Amino acid sequence: MCLEHEPALMAMLQAAGFVLYESLESIAPESLYGIYTLSVLEHIENYREILSSLHDCIRPGGQLYIYVPAFQSLFSAMVQKVGHVRRYLLTKLVGKYQKATSKVMAGGYVDILGFLASLAYRMLGTGDGTLNGNTVRLYDRYVFPMSRMLDTLTSHYFGKNVWVHARRPDTNPLATASTPASDMPNEYR
């Protein structure tokens, strides 16, 4: 299942067999075992409301995974060109989501070398938001794998992106597991 409002992407996802929702309001409260949002919240002005709505869609014991760009100091013409309105700090993202009465299980920064590359781009780039395709391919092929290895040492401090894994508390105080495996669809086990 996925949420999408862009008509061309909706058609592509429907053709691939996905169940589509056009808004969070169309999803029944407490109906989902989990939600992930990858590189979405940075495009949304009212992200606090969205976090609250995401929380409402998750069943007690359900989980949420958020992945967004980190550090406002890396905000550049390039990210503005693709519609970003902000970047996040781990502490702020954790604080905002915990206010939605969920427990943050883990979080951290990723892509330390991407942080340095983004900082260099912001300081030395052309200012028009363009990227060199060859440079991006070179980064993806050779630099990013090294960055992933370094992330194990730097994930608590900084990186180009930040992630948070949260869990909505189970309403049953005697429950020891979030959802029995037998109650979960196969794709979530």
Protein backbone atom coordinates (compact mmCIF):
# COMPACT_ATOMS: atom_id res chain seq x y z
CA MET A 1 0.00 0.00 0.00
CA CYS A 2 1.21 3.51 -0.63
CA LEU A 3 0.14 7.12 -0.56
CA GLU A 4 0.59 9.06 -3.78
CA HIS A 5 -1.11 12.08 -5.32
CA GLU A 6 0.88 12.52 -8.55
CA PRO A 7 -1.35 11.11 -11.37
CA ALA A 8 1.48 9.63 -13.47
CA LEU A 9 3.03 7.90 -10.45
CA MET A 10 -0.40 6.70 -9.30
CA ALA A 11 -0.97 5.02 -12.66
CA MET A 12 2.45 3.38 -12.52
CA LEU A 13 1.91 2.11 -8.96
CA GLN A 14 -1.60 0.82 -9.73
CA ALA A 15 -0.23 -1.04 -12.76
CA ALA A 16 2.33 -2.65 -10.43
CA GLY A 17 -0.47 -3.85 -8.13
CA PHE A 18 -0.19 -1.38 -5.27
CA VAL A 19 -3.22 -0.29 -3.26
CA LEU A 20 -3.18 3.52 -3.40
CA TYR A 21 -4.36 6.21 -1.05
CA GLU A 22 -4.54 9.86 -2.05
CA SER A 23 -4.39 11.21 1.52
CA LEU A 24 -3.69 10.10 5.07
CA GLU A 25 -7.30 10.90 5.93
CA SER A 26 -8.45 8.09 3.63
CA ILE A 27 -6.57 5.50 5.73
CA ALA A 28 -8.53 4.03 8.63
CA PRO A 29 -7.16 5.02 12.05
CA GLU A 30 -4.95 2.43 13.74
CA SER A 31 -5.09 0.17 10.67
CA LEU A 32 -1.45 -0.18 9.63
CA TYR A 33 1.27 -2.41 11.09
CA GLY A 34 3.95 -0.05 9.88
CA ILE A 35 4.72 2.97 7.76
CA TYR A 36 7.90 4.15 6.16
CA THR A 37 8.51 7.54 4.67
CA LEU A 38 11.69 7.99 2.65
CA SER A 39 12.68 11.50 1.57
CA VAL A 40 9.15 12.88 1.87
CA LEU A 41 8.80 15.08 4.98
CA GLU A 42 11.35 17.60 3.72
CA HIS A 43 8.87 18.55 0.97
CA ILE A 44 6.00 19.27 3.39
CA GLU A 45 5.48 22.60 5.16
CA ASN A 46 3.19 21.20 7.90
CA TYR A 47 5.30 18.14 8.73
CA ARG A 48 4.25 18.21 12.41
CA GLU A 49 0.63 17.60 11.39
CA ILE A 50 1.77 14.84 9.03
CA LEU A 51 3.71 13.13 11.82
CA SER A 52 0.60 13.23 13.99
CA SER A 53 -1.53 11.82 11.15
CA LEU A 54 1.02 9.06 10.50
CA HIS A 55 0.89 8.18 14.18
CA ASP A 56 -2.91 7.96 14.03
CA CYS A 57 -2.74 5.48 11.12
CA ILE A 58 -0.46 3.05 12.98
CA ARG A 59 -1.88 0.30 15.17
CA PRO A 60 -0.79 0.13 18.79
CA GLY A 61 2.51 -1.72 18.65
CA GLY A 62 3.02 -0.66 15.02
CA GLN A 63 6.17 0.99 13.74
CA LEU A 64 7.27 4.02 11.74
CA TYR A 65 10.52 4.55 9.86
CA ILE A 66 11.44 8.08 8.75
CA TYR A 67 14.36 8.95 6.45
CA VAL A 68 15.01 12.62 5.61
CA PRO A 69 17.88 14.99 4.72
CA ALA A 70 19.89 16.27 7.67
CA PHE A 71 21.32 19.62 8.73
CA GLN A 72 19.80 22.89 7.55
CA SER A 73 23.36 24.13 6.94
CA LEU A 74 23.39 21.85 3.85
CA PHE A 75 20.29 23.50 2.37
CA SER A 76 21.27 24.63 -1.12
CA ALA A 77 19.82 25.81 -4.43
CA MET A 78 19.82 22.19 -5.60
CA VAL A 79 17.56 20.91 -2.81
CA GLN A 80 15.34 23.96 -3.11
CA LYS A 81 15.05 23.24 -6.84
CA VAL A 82 13.60 19.79 -6.10
CA GLY A 83 11.07 21.20 -3.64
CA HIS A 84 12.69 20.78 -0.23
CA VAL A 85 11.57 23.22 2.45
CA ARG A 86 13.79 22.05 5.31
CA ARG A 87 16.37 19.59 6.61
CA TYR A 88 16.33 17.92 10.04
CA LEU A 89 18.45 17.31 13.11
CA LEU A 90 18.16 13.93 14.80
CA THR A 91 17.31 15.46 18.18
CA LYS A 92 14.56 17.66 16.71
CA LEU A 93 13.05 14.83 14.66
CA VAL A 94 13.04 12.52 17.69
CA GLY A 95 11.50 15.24 19.85
CA LYS A 96 8.74 16.01 17.34
CA TYR A 97 7.80 12.38 16.91
CA GLN A 98 7.89 11.51 20.61
CA LYS A 99 5.41 14.33 21.14
CA ALA A 100 3.06 12.20 19.03
CA THR A 101 3.20 9.73 21.97
CA SER A 102 5.39 7.17 20.28
CA LYS A 103 8.62 5.65 21.46
CA VAL A 104 11.68 6.24 19.32
CA MET A 105 13.56 2.94 19.17
CA ALA A 106 16.64 4.07 17.23
CA GLY A 107 17.97 6.75 14.94
CA GLY A 108 21.13 8.11 13.45
CA TYR A 109 22.85 9.91 10.64
CA VAL A 110 24.03 8.32 7.40
CA ASP A 111 26.32 9.27 4.51
CA ILE A 112 29.12 11.14 6.22
CA LEU A 113 30.98 11.70 2.95
CA GLY A 114 27.73 12.96 1.41
CA PHE A 115 27.63 15.54 4.20
CA LEU A 116 31.10 16.76 3.18
CA ALA A 117 30.20 16.68 -0.54
CA SER A 118 26.96 18.60 0.09
CA LEU A 119 28.78 21.18 2.17
CA ALA A 120 31.37 21.63 -0.60
CA TYR A 121 28.57 21.93 -3.18
CA ARG A 122 26.81 24.55 -1.09
CA MET A 123 29.99 26.58 -0.66
CA LEU A 124 31.57 26.11 -4.09
CA GLY A 125 28.65 25.20 -6.38
CA THR A 126 27.27 27.37 -9.15
CA GLY A 127 24.28 28.45 -7.05
CA ASP A 128 21.77 27.51 -9.75
CA GLY A 129 20.97 24.07 -8.37
CA THR A 130 22.45 22.01 -11.20
CA LEU A 131 24.44 18.83 -10.70
CA ASN A 132 26.94 17.17 -12.99
CA GLY A 133 25.62 13.71 -13.88
CA ASN A 134 29.12 12.23 -14.20
CA THR A 135 30.04 13.50 -10.74
CA VAL A 136 26.87 12.01 -9.25
CA ARG A 137 27.57 8.61 -10.89
CA LEU A 138 31.17 8.70 -9.64
CA TYR A 139 29.97 9.50 -6.13
CA ASP A 140 27.34 6.75 -6.18
CA ARG A 141 29.74 4.12 -7.48
CA TYR A 142 32.90 4.84 -5.49
CA VAL A 143 32.37 7.33 -2.68
CA PHE A 144 29.00 6.23 -1.28
CA PRO A 145 30.17 2.66 -0.49
CA MET A 146 33.06 4.13 1.52
CA SER A 147 30.65 6.48 3.24
CA ARG A 148 28.49 3.54 4.34
CA MET A 149 31.51 1.95 6.00
CA LEU A 150 32.41 5.18 7.80
CA ASP A 151 28.83 5.65 8.98
CA THR A 152 29.36 2.98 11.62
CA LEU A 153 31.79 5.39 13.30
CA THR A 154 29.96 8.68 12.73
CA SER A 155 26.22 7.88 12.81
CA HIS A 156 25.73 9.56 16.21
CA TYR A 157 27.26 12.85 15.10
CA PHE A 158 26.43 13.81 11.53
CA GLY A 159 25.74 12.72 7.98
CA LYS A 160 23.86 13.94 4.93
CA ASN A 161 20.65 12.18 5.96
CA VAL A 162 18.98 11.17 9.21
CA TRP A 163 16.68 8.25 10.08
CA VAL A 164 14.39 7.44 12.98
CA HIS A 165 12.66 4.18 13.85
CA ALA A 166 9.71 4.62 16.22
CA ARG A 167 7.05 2.37 17.70
CA ARG A 168 3.58 3.29 18.81
CA PRO A 169 3.10 1.95 22.34
CA ASP A 170 0.80 -1.03 22.67
CA THR A 171 -2.42 -0.10 24.45
CA ASN A 172 -2.44 -3.42 26.28
CA PRO A 173 -0.07 -3.00 29.26
CA LEU A 174 0.28 -6.79 29.53
CA ALA A 175 1.42 -7.20 25.91
CA THR A 176 5.05 -8.17 25.48
CA ALA A 177 5.19 -8.09 21.68
CA SER A 178 3.92 -5.36 19.40
CA THR A 179 1.84 -7.69 17.22
CA PRO A 180 1.81 -11.49 17.27
CA ALA A 181 3.54 -12.82 14.16
CA SER A 182 0.51 -14.96 13.39
CA ASP A 183 -1.61 -11.77 13.06
CA MET A 184 0.78 -10.07 10.66
CA PRO A 185 0.61 -10.45 6.90
CA ASN A 186 3.46 -12.55 5.48
CA GLU A 187 5.19 -9.53 3.94
CA TYR A 188 5.70 -8.02 7.42
CA ARG A 189 7.04 -11.12 9.19
